[in-house]
Amino acid sequence: MSRCNGLGSKYDFDPARVIVDWTRPLFDGALGPGSGSALLKRTIELGAYAHGFDLQVPFEKQPTRVQNLILYGWPPSNGRAASATVTDAKAKKFARKRIPLPRHSQFLDRNFQESNSDSYREWMTQYMSATLCSVCHGKRLRPSPWP
């Protein structure tokens, strides 16, 4: 997770922008950035197997639990146990396997940070939105240079 460097806000990948077509399956047009990555595809395929969901189902028809798994990963970043976030019996069975599924935005963040291409980084910014900093909660720590 990035910090705001005293500005009070930062740019993060926005799940509403990362899924470009909710009516299609994830790797058949739903996923925008990262959809061409063999590593990301394999990771999500393993996650689908471990957590019991079908990647051929259009993203909008996936249960909220599955949408959240894909976008936010597992285990949850808020530290709650699997039993607190998983409700149905089939999902609990798969969650017990404890196979982690990284956040999709982690993959994108890493690609964004490691890229040496300004044009690639600029292209990726269309999938980002300004968010309040989780460290300073929007309070500017660096004074503005203008009065």
Protein backbone atom coordinates (compact mmCIF):
# COMPACT_ATOMS: atom_id res chain seq x y z
CA MET A 1 0.00 0.00 0.00
CA SER A 2 1.42 3.34 -1.01
CA ARG A 3 1.58 6.47 1.07
CA CYS A 4 0.54 9.95 0.06
CA ASN A 5 3.91 11.59 0.82
CA GLY A 6 2.14 14.28 2.83
CA LEU A 7 -0.40 15.28 0.19
CA GLY A 8 -3.44 13.72 1.87
CA SER A 9 -4.46 11.60 -1.12
CA LYS A 10 -2.91 9.06 -3.45
CA TYR A 11 -3.79 7.18 -6.61
CA ASP A 12 -4.76 3.52 -6.30
CA PHE A 13 -6.20 1.04 -8.77
CA ASP A 14 -9.98 1.36 -8.75
CA PRO A 15 -11.90 -1.96 -8.88
CA ALA A 16 -14.75 -0.23 -10.74
CA ARG A 17 -12.32 0.72 -13.50
CA VAL A 18 -10.25 -2.48 -13.55
CA ILE A 19 -13.29 -4.57 -14.53
CA VAL A 20 -14.02 -3.06 -17.93
CA ASP A 21 -17.00 -5.24 -18.94
CA TRP A 22 -19.01 -6.79 -16.11
CA THR A 23 -21.15 -8.81 -18.55
CA ARG A 24 -18.24 -11.02 -19.69
CA PRO A 25 -16.16 -13.74 -18.00
CA LEU A 26 -12.97 -12.47 -16.36
CA PHE A 27 -10.49 -13.58 -19.05
CA ASP A 28 -12.93 -13.15 -21.91
CA GLY A 29 -13.10 -9.36 -21.83
CA ALA A 30 -14.10 -8.41 -18.28
CA LEU A 31 -10.62 -7.72 -16.96
CA GLY A 32 -8.78 -4.67 -18.25
CA PRO A 33 -5.16 -4.24 -17.15
CA GLY A 34 -3.27 -7.44 -16.45
CA SER A 35 -5.57 -9.64 -18.53
CA GLY A 36 -2.71 -10.61 -20.85
CA SER A 37 -0.44 -11.78 -18.04
CA ALA A 38 0.08 -15.55 -17.93
CA LEU A 39 1.20 -15.24 -14.29
CA LEU A 40 -1.95 -13.39 -13.23
CA LYS A 41 -4.16 -15.80 -15.18
CA ARG A 42 -2.53 -18.85 -13.58
CA THR A 43 -2.75 -17.30 -10.11
CA ILE A 44 -6.46 -16.57 -10.50
CA GLU A 45 -7.08 -20.04 -11.99
CA LEU A 46 -5.49 -21.63 -8.91
CA GLY A 47 -7.53 -19.32 -6.70
CA ALA A 48 -10.71 -20.33 -8.55
CA TYR A 49 -9.92 -24.00 -7.98
CA ALA A 50 -9.02 -23.51 -4.33
CA HIS A 51 -12.00 -21.31 -3.51
CA GLY A 52 -14.53 -23.11 -5.70
CA PHE A 53 -15.66 -20.70 -8.39
CA ASP A 54 -16.02 -20.89 -12.18
CA LEU A 55 -14.07 -18.38 -14.29
CA GLN A 56 -16.39 -18.94 -17.27
CA VAL A 57 -19.27 -17.19 -15.46
CA PRO A 58 -19.67 -13.49 -16.36
CA PHE A 59 -18.20 -11.27 -13.65
CA GLU A 60 -21.56 -9.61 -12.85
CA LYS A 61 -23.14 -13.04 -12.22
CA GLN A 62 -20.40 -14.13 -9.81
CA PRO A 63 -21.47 -13.97 -6.15
CA THR A 64 -20.22 -10.92 -4.27
CA ARG A 65 -17.91 -13.24 -2.31
CA VAL A 66 -16.17 -14.30 -5.54
CA GLN A 67 -15.98 -10.75 -6.91
CA ASN A 68 -14.32 -9.69 -3.65
CA LEU A 69 -11.91 -12.64 -3.75
CA ILE A 70 -10.78 -11.64 -7.24
CA LEU A 71 -10.51 -7.92 -6.54
CA TYR A 72 -9.31 -7.89 -2.92
CA GLY A 73 -7.65 -11.29 -2.53
CA TRP A 74 -7.65 -13.85 0.26
CA PRO A 75 -6.99 -13.86 3.14
CA PRO A 76 -8.73 -10.55 3.69
CA SER A 77 -6.38 -7.66 4.29
CA ASN A 78 -8.41 -6.64 7.34
CA GLY A 79 -7.07 -9.71 9.18
CA ARG A 80 -10.43 -11.40 9.85
CA ALA A 81 -10.38 -15.18 9.83
CA ALA A 82 -11.84 -17.08 6.90
CA SER A 83 -14.76 -18.29 8.99
CA ALA A 84 -15.77 -14.70 9.65
CA THR A 85 -15.89 -13.81 5.94
CA VAL A 86 -17.03 -17.04 4.32
CA THR A 87 -20.63 -18.09 4.90
CA ASP A 88 -21.55 -21.07 2.73
CA ALA A 89 -20.34 -24.62 3.50
CA LYS A 90 -18.66 -25.20 0.12
CA ALA A 91 -16.67 -21.97 0.40
CA LYS A 92 -15.59 -22.81 3.96
CA LYS A 93 -14.31 -26.19 2.76
CA PHE A 94 -12.14 -24.54 0.11
CA ALA A 95 -11.05 -21.70 2.40
CA ARG A 96 -9.66 -24.26 4.84
CA LYS A 97 -7.03 -25.11 2.23
CA ARG A 98 -5.53 -21.70 3.01
CA ILE A 99 -4.37 -21.07 -0.53
CA PRO A 100 -3.74 -17.35 -0.74
CA LEU A 101 -5.10 -15.31 -3.61
CA PRO A 102 -3.30 -11.98 -3.95
CA ARG A 103 -5.24 -8.78 -4.57
CA HIS A 104 -5.46 -7.96 -8.26
CA SER A 105 -4.35 -4.43 -7.42
CA GLN A 106 -1.15 -5.84 -5.84
CA PHE A 107 -0.22 -7.27 -9.20
CA LEU A 108 -1.02 -3.98 -10.94
CA ASP A 109 0.83 -1.91 -8.31
CA ARG A 110 3.95 -4.02 -8.77
CA ASN A 111 3.80 -3.69 -12.56
CA PHE A 112 3.22 0.05 -12.27
CA GLN A 113 6.14 0.55 -9.88
CA GLU A 114 8.55 -1.70 -11.77
CA SER A 115 7.80 -0.36 -15.24
CA ASN A 116 10.42 1.82 -16.91
CA SER A 117 7.99 2.88 -19.62
CA ASP A 118 6.35 6.25 -19.09
CA SER A 119 3.72 5.50 -21.73
CA TYR A 120 2.78 2.20 -20.00
CA ARG A 121 2.52 3.93 -16.64
CA GLU A 122 0.42 6.70 -18.17
CA TRP A 123 -1.86 4.08 -19.78
CA MET A 124 -2.31 2.36 -16.41
CA THR A 125 -3.38 5.59 -14.69
CA GLN A 126 -6.74 5.43 -16.50
CA TYR A 127 -7.57 2.52 -14.18
CA MET A 128 -6.74 4.51 -11.03
CA SER A 129 -8.67 6.93 -8.83
CA ALA A 130 -7.63 9.36 -6.13
CA THR A 131 -8.29 8.02 -2.64
CA LEU A 132 -7.76 9.38 0.85
CA CYS A 133 -4.50 8.31 2.39
CA SER A 134 -5.01 5.53 4.93
CA VAL A 135 -2.10 6.85 7.00
CA CYS A 136 -3.02 10.54 7.42
CA HIS A 137 -6.73 10.18 6.54
CA GLY A 138 -6.70 13.11 4.14
CA LYS A 139 -4.94 15.61 6.37
CA ARG A 140 -2.14 17.22 4.44
CA LEU A 141 1.09 16.76 6.31
CA ARG A 142 3.13 18.83 3.90
CA PRO A 143 2.15 22.50 3.87
CA SER A 144 0.99 23.91 0.57
CA PRO A 145 3.60 26.10 -1.17
CA TRP A 146 0.85 28.63 -1.95
CA PRO A 147 -0.68 30.86 0.70
